[in-house]
Amino acid sequence: MPKTKELFEATKAAILALLEIGLTQHGTTKLLTSRDLKNETIRNRLHEAGLKSHRAQKKLFINKRQRKARLLFAGDHKDWSVDDLDKVLFCDESNFQLMPTSANLLVRRKPGEAYKPDYVAPAVKHGGGSVTFWGCFSMGGTGQMQLCEGLLPSLKPGWRTGTFQPCLGLHNHQI
């Protein structure tokens, strides 16, 4: 059996092929134990191939139905005039986690592949242990930022006439 530095090209190719189909570094080492390979050897081959260990990026999961709806919405509104946009109130909420997440998933990827689906850990919006802020803006300016306790504004009973009315007042919009 050759020493680690004299590893055959076929073995290097086998290591990369196994990792390409989704096997982990540990799984690859286990599968190739008959060849007396060490975990360090597998790691070195990964580094040579440009695959460094990174934490998976988090991105809000958007399913096919949501993608289709977004595309239809964009197509329906692509020709809007400034007058049309003047009647729109844009609002959004931001959720901040108070506790660290447990999804510290390590992935092996090449530079520039951070957001490929195979290297992204889906994140779910509005998890436990968090606070949510809500705000809005329109052509008339920005509204006041609001701290949302419990339910989000659109789900909270009476929100239209309560806490968020001052935020909306500056825009001359009716809810």
N, C-alpha and C. Protein backbone atom coordinates (compact mmCIF):
# COMPACT_ATOMS: atom_id res chain seq x y z
N MET A 1 0.85 -1.18 0.00
CA MET A 1 0.00 0.00 0.00
C MET A 1 0.89 1.24 0.00
N PRO A 2 0.61 2.22 -0.89
CA PRO A 2 1.44 3.41 -0.94
C PRO A 2 1.21 4.29 0.28
N LYS A 3 2.20 5.11 0.59
CA LYS A 3 2.06 6.05 1.70
C LYS A 3 1.08 7.15 1.29
N THR A 4 0.65 7.92 2.26
CA THR A 4 -0.36 8.95 2.02
C THR A 4 0.04 9.88 0.88
N LYS A 5 1.28 10.32 0.86
CA LYS A 5 1.73 11.26 -0.16
C LYS A 5 1.81 10.62 -1.54
N GLU A 6 1.81 9.31 -1.60
CA GLU A 6 1.89 8.61 -2.88
C GLU A 6 0.54 8.03 -3.28
N LEU A 7 -0.53 8.63 -2.78
CA LEU A 7 -1.87 8.13 -3.05
C LEU A 7 -2.14 8.11 -4.55
N PHE A 8 -2.64 7.01 -5.05
CA PHE A 8 -2.91 6.87 -6.47
C PHE A 8 -3.97 7.87 -6.92
N GLU A 9 -3.86 8.30 -8.18
CA GLU A 9 -4.83 9.23 -8.75
C GLU A 9 -6.24 8.64 -8.74
N ALA A 10 -6.36 7.33 -8.96
CA ALA A 10 -7.67 6.68 -8.96
C ALA A 10 -8.34 6.79 -7.59
N THR A 11 -7.53 6.66 -6.53
CA THR A 11 -8.08 6.77 -5.18
C THR A 11 -8.52 8.21 -4.91
N LYS A 12 -7.73 9.18 -5.38
CA LYS A 12 -8.12 10.58 -5.23
C LYS A 12 -9.46 10.83 -5.94
N ALA A 13 -9.58 10.30 -7.14
CA ALA A 13 -10.82 10.47 -7.90
C ALA A 13 -11.99 9.79 -7.20
N ALA A 14 -11.74 8.62 -6.60
CA ALA A 14 -12.80 7.90 -5.88
C ALA A 14 -13.28 8.71 -4.67
N ILE A 15 -12.34 9.31 -3.96
CA ILE A 15 -12.69 10.13 -2.79
C ILE A 15 -13.60 11.28 -3.22
N LEU A 16 -13.20 12.00 -4.27
CA LEU A 16 -13.99 13.13 -4.73
C LEU A 16 -15.35 12.69 -5.27
N ALA A 17 -15.39 11.54 -5.94
CA ALA A 17 -16.67 11.03 -6.47
C ALA A 17 -17.63 10.68 -5.34
N LEU A 18 -17.12 10.05 -4.29
CA LEU A 18 -17.98 9.70 -3.15
C LEU A 18 -18.52 10.95 -2.46
N LEU A 19 -17.69 11.97 -2.35
CA LEU A 19 -18.14 13.21 -1.72
C LEU A 19 -19.13 13.95 -2.62
N GLU A 20 -18.94 13.83 -3.93
CA GLU A 20 -19.84 14.48 -4.89
C GLU A 20 -21.26 13.93 -4.81
N ILE A 21 -21.39 12.63 -4.51
CA ILE A 21 -22.73 12.03 -4.42
C ILE A 21 -23.37 12.24 -3.05
N GLY A 22 -22.67 12.97 -2.16
CA GLY A 22 -23.28 13.34 -0.89
C GLY A 22 -22.75 12.61 0.33
N LEU A 23 -21.78 11.75 0.17
CA LEU A 23 -21.21 11.05 1.32
C LEU A 23 -20.37 12.03 2.14
N THR A 24 -20.41 11.93 3.45
CA THR A 24 -19.64 12.83 4.30
C THR A 24 -18.17 12.40 4.32
N GLN A 25 -17.35 13.27 4.88
CA GLN A 25 -15.92 12.94 5.00
C GLN A 25 -15.75 11.68 5.83
N HIS A 26 -16.49 11.59 6.93
CA HIS A 26 -16.41 10.41 7.80
C HIS A 26 -16.89 9.16 7.06
N GLY A 27 -18.00 9.29 6.33
CA GLY A 27 -18.53 8.15 5.58
C GLY A 27 -17.58 7.68 4.50
N THR A 28 -16.92 8.63 3.85
CA THR A 28 -15.94 8.28 2.81
C THR A 28 -14.78 7.53 3.44
N THR A 29 -14.30 8.01 4.57
CA THR A 29 -13.20 7.35 5.26
C THR A 29 -13.59 5.93 5.64
N LYS A 30 -14.81 5.77 6.18
CA LYS A 30 -15.28 4.44 6.58
C LYS A 30 -15.37 3.49 5.39
N LEU A 31 -15.88 4.00 4.28
CA LEU A 31 -16.04 3.18 3.08
C LEU A 31 -14.70 2.75 2.51
N LEU A 32 -13.71 3.59 2.65
CA LEU A 32 -12.40 3.29 2.07
C LEU A 32 -11.40 2.77 3.10
N THR A 33 -11.89 2.29 4.24
CA THR A 33 -10.97 1.81 5.28
C THR A 33 -10.18 0.60 4.84
N SER A 34 -10.70 -0.16 3.90
CA SER A 34 -9.95 -1.32 3.42
C SER A 34 -8.67 -0.88 2.74
N ARG A 35 -8.62 0.37 2.33
CA ARG A 35 -7.42 0.89 1.68
C ARG A 35 -6.50 1.57 2.68
N ASP A 36 -6.84 1.48 3.96
CA ASP A 36 -6.00 2.03 5.02
C ASP A 36 -5.81 3.55 4.89
N LEU A 37 -6.89 4.26 4.61
CA LEU A 37 -6.82 5.71 4.51
C LEU A 37 -7.19 6.34 5.84
N LYS A 38 -6.52 7.42 6.16
CA LYS A 38 -6.82 8.14 7.39
C LYS A 38 -7.74 9.31 7.07
N ASN A 39 -8.44 9.77 8.09
CA ASN A 39 -9.33 10.91 7.95
C ASN A 39 -8.57 12.13 7.42
N GLU A 40 -7.35 12.28 7.87
CA GLU A 40 -6.52 13.40 7.44
C GLU A 40 -6.24 13.35 5.94
N THR A 41 -6.09 12.15 5.40
CA THR A 41 -5.85 11.98 3.97
C THR A 41 -7.06 12.48 3.18
N ILE A 42 -8.24 12.10 3.62
CA ILE A 42 -9.47 12.54 2.96
C ILE A 42 -9.56 14.07 3.02
N ARG A 43 -9.30 14.64 4.19
CA ARG A 43 -9.35 16.09 4.36
C ARG A 43 -8.36 16.78 3.43
N ASN A 44 -7.14 16.24 3.31
CA ASN A 44 -6.13 16.83 2.43
C ASN A 44 -6.58 16.80 0.97
N ARG A 45 -7.20 15.69 0.55
CA ARG A 45 -7.67 15.60 -0.84
C ARG A 45 -8.78 16.62 -1.08
N LEU A 46 -9.63 16.83 -0.07
CA LEU A 46 -10.69 17.83 -0.20
C LEU A 46 -10.11 19.22 -0.36
N HIS A 47 -9.09 19.53 0.43
CA HIS A 47 -8.44 20.84 0.34
C HIS A 47 -7.78 21.02 -1.02
N GLU A 48 -7.14 19.96 -1.52
CA GLU A 48 -6.52 20.03 -2.85
C GLU A 48 -7.54 20.30 -3.94
N ALA A 49 -8.75 19.79 -3.76
CA ALA A 49 -9.82 19.98 -4.75
C ALA A 49 -10.52 21.32 -4.57
N GLY A 50 -10.08 22.14 -3.61
CA GLY A 50 -10.68 23.45 -3.39
C GLY A 50 -11.93 23.41 -2.53
N LEU A 51 -12.19 22.30 -1.85
CA LEU A 51 -13.39 22.17 -1.01
C LEU A 51 -13.01 22.43 0.45
N LYS A 52 -13.31 23.63 0.91
CA LYS A 52 -13.03 24.01 2.29
C LYS A 52 -14.29 23.80 3.13
N SER A 53 -14.11 23.65 4.42
CA SER A 53 -15.24 23.45 5.32
C SER A 53 -15.84 24.80 5.70
N HIS A 54 -17.15 24.94 5.51
CA HIS A 54 -17.87 26.18 5.82
C HIS A 54 -19.17 25.85 6.52
N ARG A 55 -19.68 26.79 7.28
CA ARG A 55 -21.02 26.66 7.82
C ARG A 55 -22.00 26.92 6.68
N ALA A 56 -23.09 26.17 6.64
CA ALA A 56 -24.09 26.35 5.60
C ALA A 56 -24.75 27.72 5.74
N GLN A 57 -24.96 28.42 4.63
CA GLN A 57 -25.65 29.70 4.64
C GLN A 57 -27.13 29.47 4.92
N LYS A 58 -27.76 30.44 5.55
CA LYS A 58 -29.18 30.32 5.85
C LYS A 58 -29.96 31.25 4.93
N LYS A 59 -31.01 30.72 4.38
CA LYS A 59 -31.82 31.48 3.45
C LYS A 59 -33.26 31.02 3.62
N LEU A 60 -34.19 31.97 3.65
CA LEU A 60 -35.59 31.64 3.82
C LEU A 60 -36.04 30.71 2.71
N PHE A 61 -36.67 29.61 3.08
CA PHE A 61 -37.11 28.62 2.11
C PHE A 61 -38.32 29.15 1.34
N ILE A 62 -38.26 29.08 0.02
CA ILE A 62 -39.36 29.49 -0.84
C ILE A 62 -39.72 28.30 -1.71
N ASN A 63 -40.95 27.80 -1.56
CA ASN A 63 -41.35 26.61 -2.32
C ASN A 63 -41.79 27.00 -3.74
N LYS A 64 -42.12 25.99 -4.56
CA LYS A 64 -42.49 26.23 -5.96
C LYS A 64 -43.73 27.11 -6.09
N ARG A 65 -44.72 26.88 -5.23
CA ARG A 65 -45.95 27.68 -5.28
C ARG A 65 -45.64 29.15 -5.01
N GLN A 66 -44.80 29.42 -4.02
CA GLN A 66 -44.44 30.79 -3.68
C GLN A 66 -43.64 31.45 -4.81
N ARG A 67 -42.74 30.70 -5.43
CA ARG A 67 -41.96 31.23 -6.55
C ARG A 67 -42.88 31.62 -7.70
N LYS A 68 -43.84 30.75 -8.01
CA LYS A 68 -44.78 31.01 -9.10
C LYS A 68 -45.62 32.25 -8.79
N ALA A 69 -46.11 32.37 -7.55
CA ALA A 69 -46.91 33.53 -7.16
C ALA A 69 -46.10 34.82 -7.25
N ARG A 70 -44.84 34.79 -6.86
CA ARG A 70 -43.99 35.98 -6.94
C ARG A 70 -43.77 36.40 -8.40
N LEU A 71 -43.54 35.41 -9.25
CA LEU A 71 -43.32 35.70 -10.66
C LEU A 71 -44.58 36.30 -11.30
N LEU A 72 -45.75 35.76 -10.97
CA LEU A 72 -47.01 36.30 -11.49
C LEU A 72 -47.24 37.73 -10.99
N PHE A 73 -46.96 37.97 -9.71
CA PHE A 73 -47.12 39.31 -9.14
C PHE A 73 -46.22 40.31 -9.85
N ALA A 74 -44.97 39.94 -10.07
CA ALA A 74 -44.02 40.83 -10.74
C ALA A 74 -44.47 41.12 -12.17
N GLY A 75 -44.96 40.10 -12.86
CA GLY A 75 -45.45 40.31 -14.23
C GLY A 75 -46.67 41.22 -14.27
N ASP A 76 -47.58 41.06 -13.32
CA ASP A 76 -48.79 41.88 -13.28
C ASP A 76 -48.51 43.35 -12.96
N HIS A 77 -47.42 43.64 -12.27
CA HIS A 77 -47.15 45.00 -11.81
C HIS A 77 -45.94 45.65 -12.48
N LYS A 78 -45.40 45.05 -13.51
CA LYS A 78 -44.18 45.58 -14.13
C LYS A 78 -44.40 46.92 -14.83
N ASP A 79 -45.61 47.20 -15.25
CA ASP A 79 -45.89 48.44 -15.99
C ASP A 79 -46.54 49.52 -15.13
N TRP A 80 -46.44 49.43 -13.82
CA TRP A 80 -47.06 50.41 -12.94
C TRP A 80 -46.39 51.78 -13.12
N SER A 81 -47.20 52.82 -13.01
CA SER A 81 -46.70 54.19 -13.10
C SER A 81 -46.32 54.68 -11.70
N VAL A 82 -45.74 55.89 -11.66
CA VAL A 82 -45.39 56.50 -10.38
C VAL A 82 -46.66 56.77 -9.57
N ASP A 83 -47.74 57.14 -10.25
CA ASP A 83 -49.01 57.38 -9.55
C ASP A 83 -49.53 56.10 -8.89
N ASP A 84 -49.37 54.98 -9.59
CA ASP A 84 -49.78 53.69 -9.02
C ASP A 84 -48.96 53.38 -7.77
N LEU A 85 -47.65 53.59 -7.87
CA LEU A 85 -46.75 53.29 -6.74
C LEU A 85 -46.99 54.24 -5.57
N ASP A 86 -47.49 55.45 -5.86
CA ASP A 86 -47.76 56.43 -4.80
C ASP A 86 -48.87 55.95 -3.87
N LYS A 87 -49.69 55.02 -4.33
CA LYS A 87 -50.80 54.50 -3.53
C LYS A 87 -50.42 53.26 -2.71
N VAL A 88 -49.16 52.87 -2.80
CA VAL A 88 -48.73 51.62 -2.15
C VAL A 88 -48.01 51.92 -0.84
N LEU A 89 -48.33 51.15 0.16
CA LEU A 89 -47.64 51.21 1.44
C LEU A 89 -46.85 49.91 1.58
N PHE A 90 -45.54 50.03 1.63
CA PHE A 90 -44.68 48.86 1.79
C PHE A 90 -44.43 48.65 3.27
N CYS A 91 -44.63 47.44 3.74
CA CYS A 91 -44.35 47.16 5.15
C CYS A 91 -43.69 45.79 5.26
N ASP A 92 -42.92 45.64 6.30
CA ASP A 92 -42.23 44.38 6.52
C ASP A 92 -41.87 44.26 7.99
N GLU A 93 -41.56 43.06 8.37
CA GLU A 93 -41.12 42.82 9.74
C GLU A 93 -39.76 42.13 9.70
N SER A 94 -38.97 42.37 10.73
CA SER A 94 -37.68 41.70 10.88
C SER A 94 -37.67 40.99 12.22
N ASN A 95 -37.24 39.76 12.19
CA ASN A 95 -37.22 38.93 13.38
C ASN A 95 -35.77 38.75 13.81
N PHE A 96 -35.49 38.95 15.09
CA PHE A 96 -34.13 38.81 15.62
C PHE A 96 -34.12 37.72 16.68
N GLN A 97 -33.28 36.73 16.50
CA GLN A 97 -33.16 35.63 17.44
C GLN A 97 -32.40 36.10 18.68
N LEU A 98 -32.95 35.81 19.84
CA LEU A 98 -32.29 36.18 21.09
C LEU A 98 -31.30 35.12 21.53
N MET A 99 -31.49 33.91 21.05
CA MET A 99 -30.62 32.80 21.41
C MET A 99 -29.95 32.28 20.14
N PRO A 100 -28.71 31.78 20.25
CA PRO A 100 -28.03 31.26 19.06
C PRO A 100 -28.76 30.04 18.49
N THR A 101 -28.65 29.88 17.18
CA THR A 101 -29.29 28.73 16.54
C THR A 101 -28.43 27.48 16.71
N SER A 102 -29.07 26.34 16.63
CA SER A 102 -28.35 25.08 16.77
C SER A 102 -27.97 24.51 15.41
N ALA A 103 -28.30 25.20 14.34
CA ALA A 103 -28.02 24.68 13.00
C ALA A 103 -26.64 25.13 12.53
N ASN A 104 -25.61 24.62 13.17
CA ASN A 104 -24.24 24.93 12.78
C ASN A 104 -23.71 23.83 11.88
N LEU A 105 -24.35 23.67 10.76
CA LEU A 105 -24.04 22.61 9.83
C LEU A 105 -22.78 22.95 9.03
N LEU A 106 -21.82 22.04 8.99
CA LEU A 106 -20.62 22.23 8.18
C LEU A 106 -20.84 21.61 6.81
N VAL A 107 -20.44 22.33 5.78
CA VAL A 107 -20.52 21.81 4.41
C VAL A 107 -19.18 21.99 3.73
N ARG A 108 -18.90 21.15 2.74
CA ARG A 108 -17.69 21.28 1.92
C ARG A 108 -18.12 21.83 0.58
N ARG A 109 -17.55 22.98 0.23
CA ARG A 109 -17.91 23.59 -1.04
C ARG A 109 -16.73 24.36 -1.60
N LYS A 110 -16.82 24.65 -2.89
CA LYS A 110 -15.80 25.45 -3.55
C LYS A 110 -16.15 26.93 -3.39
N PRO A 111 -15.17 27.82 -3.55
CA PRO A 111 -15.46 29.25 -3.47
C PRO A 111 -16.51 29.64 -4.50
N GLY A 112 -17.43 30.53 -4.10
CA GLY A 112 -18.48 30.99 -5.00
C GLY A 112 -19.72 30.12 -5.03
N GLU A 113 -19.76 29.04 -4.24
CA GLU A 113 -20.90 28.14 -4.23
C GLU A 113 -21.72 28.24 -2.94
N ALA A 114 -21.55 29.32 -2.20
CA ALA A 114 -22.18 29.46 -0.88
C ALA A 114 -23.70 29.34 -0.92
N TYR A 115 -24.34 29.82 -1.99
CA TYR A 115 -25.80 29.82 -2.02
C TYR A 115 -26.39 28.77 -2.95
N LYS A 116 -25.60 27.80 -3.37
CA LYS A 116 -26.16 26.68 -4.12
C LYS A 116 -27.02 25.86 -3.14
N PRO A 117 -28.18 25.35 -3.60
CA PRO A 117 -29.10 24.65 -2.70
C PRO A 117 -28.46 23.52 -1.89
N ASP A 118 -27.47 22.83 -2.44
CA ASP A 118 -26.83 21.74 -1.71
C ASP A 118 -26.04 22.22 -0.50
N TYR A 119 -25.69 23.51 -0.46
CA TYR A 119 -24.84 24.03 0.60
C TYR A 119 -25.56 25.02 1.50
N VAL A 120 -26.87 25.08 1.43
CA VAL A 120 -27.66 26.03 2.21
C VAL A 120 -28.53 25.27 3.20
N ALA A 121 -28.54 25.71 4.46
CA ALA A 121 -29.43 25.13 5.47
C ALA A 121 -30.69 26.00 5.53
N PRO A 122 -31.86 25.44 5.22
CA PRO A 122 -33.09 26.24 5.26
C PRO A 122 -33.34 26.80 6.65
N ALA A 123 -33.72 28.07 6.70
CA ALA A 123 -34.04 28.72 7.97
C ALA A 123 -35.54 29.00 8.00
N VAL A 124 -36.13 28.85 9.16
CA VAL A 124 -37.56 29.11 9.31
C VAL A 124 -37.72 30.44 10.02
N LYS A 125 -38.52 31.32 9.42
CA LYS A 125 -38.72 32.65 9.97
C LYS A 125 -39.54 32.57 11.26
N HIS A 126 -39.27 33.44 12.18
CA HIS A 126 -40.03 33.60 13.43
C HIS A 126 -39.92 32.40 14.36
N GLY A 127 -38.72 31.96 14.65
CA GLY A 127 -38.53 30.86 15.60
C GLY A 127 -38.69 31.35 17.03
N GLY A 128 -38.56 30.45 18.00
CA GLY A 128 -38.71 30.82 19.41
C GLY A 128 -37.55 31.64 19.91
N GLY A 129 -37.76 32.33 20.99
CA GLY A 129 -36.71 33.14 21.60
C GLY A 129 -36.31 34.32 20.73
N SER A 130 -37.29 35.10 20.27
CA SER A 130 -36.97 36.18 19.35
C SER A 130 -37.88 37.38 19.58
N VAL A 131 -37.48 38.51 19.00
CA VAL A 131 -38.32 39.71 18.99
C VAL A 131 -38.53 40.12 17.54
N THR A 132 -39.66 40.76 17.28
CA THR A 132 -39.98 41.17 15.92
C THR A 132 -40.24 42.67 15.89
N PHE A 133 -39.64 43.34 14.91
CA PHE A 133 -39.90 44.76 14.67
C PHE A 133 -40.63 44.89 13.34
N TRP A 134 -41.55 45.85 13.28
CA TRP A 134 -42.36 46.06 12.09
C TRP A 134 -42.25 47.51 11.69
N GLY A 135 -42.17 47.77 10.39
CA GLY A 135 -42.09 49.14 9.91
C GLY A 135 -42.68 49.25 8.52
N CYS A 136 -42.84 50.49 8.05
CA CYS A 136 -43.41 50.70 6.72
C CYS A 136 -42.85 51.97 6.10
N PHE A 137 -43.02 52.06 4.77
CA PHE A 137 -42.65 53.27 4.05
C PHE A 137 -43.48 53.35 2.77
N SER A 138 -43.57 54.56 2.24
CA SER A 138 -44.25 54.78 0.96
C SER A 138 -43.59 55.99 0.32
N MET A 139 -44.20 56.49 -0.75
CA MET A 139 -43.65 57.68 -1.41
C MET A 139 -43.69 58.88 -0.46
N GLY A 140 -44.58 58.83 0.55
CA GLY A 140 -44.72 59.93 1.50
C GLY A 140 -43.67 59.94 2.60
N GLY A 141 -42.89 58.89 2.75
CA GLY A 141 -41.87 58.83 3.78
C GLY A 141 -41.90 57.51 4.53
N THR A 142 -41.22 57.49 5.66
CA THR A 142 -41.15 56.25 6.44
C THR A 142 -42.03 56.37 7.68
N GLY A 143 -42.54 55.24 8.12
CA GLY A 143 -43.35 55.19 9.33
C GLY A 143 -42.48 54.89 10.53
N GLN A 144 -43.08 54.90 11.71
CA GLN A 144 -42.35 54.58 12.93
C GLN A 144 -42.16 53.07 13.04
N MET A 145 -40.99 52.69 13.52
CA MET A 145 -40.74 51.26 13.75
C MET A 145 -41.51 50.84 15.01
N GLN A 146 -42.11 49.66 14.97
CA GLN A 146 -42.91 49.17 16.08
C GLN A 146 -42.37 47.83 16.57
N LEU A 147 -42.30 47.67 17.87
CA LEU A 147 -41.94 46.38 18.46
C LEU A 147 -43.20 45.54 18.53
N CYS A 148 -43.16 44.36 17.97
CA CYS A 148 -44.33 43.47 17.97
C CYS A 148 -44.15 42.44 19.07
N GLU A 149 -45.05 42.42 20.00
CA GLU A 149 -45.01 41.42 21.06
C GLU A 149 -46.02 40.34 20.73
N GLY A 150 -45.57 39.13 20.66
CA GLY A 150 -46.48 38.02 20.34
C GLY A 150 -46.69 37.91 18.85
N LEU A 151 -47.97 38.00 18.43
CA LEU A 151 -48.32 37.81 17.03
C LEU A 151 -47.81 38.96 16.16
N LEU A 152 -47.61 38.67 14.89
CA LEU A 152 -47.23 39.71 13.93
C LEU A 152 -48.39 40.67 13.73
N PRO A 153 -48.12 41.89 13.25
CA PRO A 153 -49.17 42.90 13.13
C PRO A 153 -50.41 42.42 12.38
N SER A 154 -50.25 41.78 11.26
CA SER A 154 -51.41 41.39 10.46
C SER A 154 -52.24 40.30 11.13
N LEU A 155 -51.66 39.61 12.10
CA LEU A 155 -52.37 38.54 12.79
C LEU A 155 -52.95 38.98 14.13
N LYS A 156 -52.54 40.14 14.59
CA LYS A 156 -52.96 40.63 15.90
C LYS A 156 -54.34 41.29 15.81
N PRO A 157 -55.29 40.86 16.64
CA PRO A 157 -56.63 41.46 16.60
C PRO A 157 -56.58 42.95 16.89
N GLY A 158 -57.26 43.75 16.07
CA GLY A 158 -57.36 45.18 16.30
C GLY A 158 -56.11 45.98 15.97
N TRP A 159 -55.15 45.41 15.28
CA TRP A 159 -53.91 46.15 15.01
C TRP A 159 -54.14 47.35 14.10
N ARG A 160 -55.16 47.29 13.26
CA ARG A 160 -55.39 48.37 12.29
C ARG A 160 -55.75 49.69 12.98
N THR A 161 -56.40 49.61 14.11
CA THR A 161 -56.80 50.84 14.80
C THR A 161 -55.97 51.09 16.05
N GLY A 162 -55.07 50.22 16.36
CA GLY A 162 -54.29 50.34 17.60
C GLY A 162 -52.90 50.89 17.38
N THR A 163 -51.94 50.13 17.79
CA THR A 163 -50.54 50.53 17.83
C THR A 163 -50.01 51.03 16.50
N PHE A 164 -50.46 50.47 15.40
CA PHE A 164 -49.83 50.77 14.12
C PHE A 164 -50.46 51.95 13.38
N GLN A 165 -51.56 52.49 13.90
CA GLN A 165 -52.22 53.61 13.22
C GLN A 165 -51.29 54.83 13.09
N PRO A 166 -50.52 55.22 14.14
CA PRO A 166 -49.61 56.36 13.97
C PRO A 166 -48.59 56.12 12.86
N CYS A 167 -48.18 54.91 12.72
CA CYS A 167 -47.20 54.56 11.69
C CYS A 167 -47.81 54.76 10.31
N LEU A 168 -49.10 54.48 10.17
CA LEU A 168 -49.76 54.55 8.88
C LEU A 168 -50.30 55.95 8.59
N GLY A 169 -50.53 56.75 9.62
CA GLY A 169 -51.16 58.05 9.46
C GLY A 169 -50.43 58.98 8.51
N LEU A 170 -49.13 58.97 8.50
CA LEU A 170 -48.37 59.91 7.69
C LEU A 170 -48.51 59.63 6.20
N HIS A 171 -49.05 58.49 5.86
CA HIS A 171 -49.12 58.09 4.46
C HIS A 171 -50.45 58.37 3.80
N ASN A 172 -51.43 58.89 4.54
CA ASN A 172 -52.77 59.15 4.00
C ASN A 172 -53.37 57.91 3.34
N HIS A 173 -53.16 56.79 3.94
CA HIS A 173 -53.73 55.54 3.42
C HIS A 173 -54.85 55.10 4.34
N GLN A 174 -55.85 54.53 3.75
CA GLN A 174 -56.91 53.92 4.54
C GLN A 174 -56.66 52.43 4.58
N ILE A 175 -56.89 51.85 5.75
CA ILE A 175 -56.69 50.40 5.89
C ILE A 175 -58.02 49.72 5.79
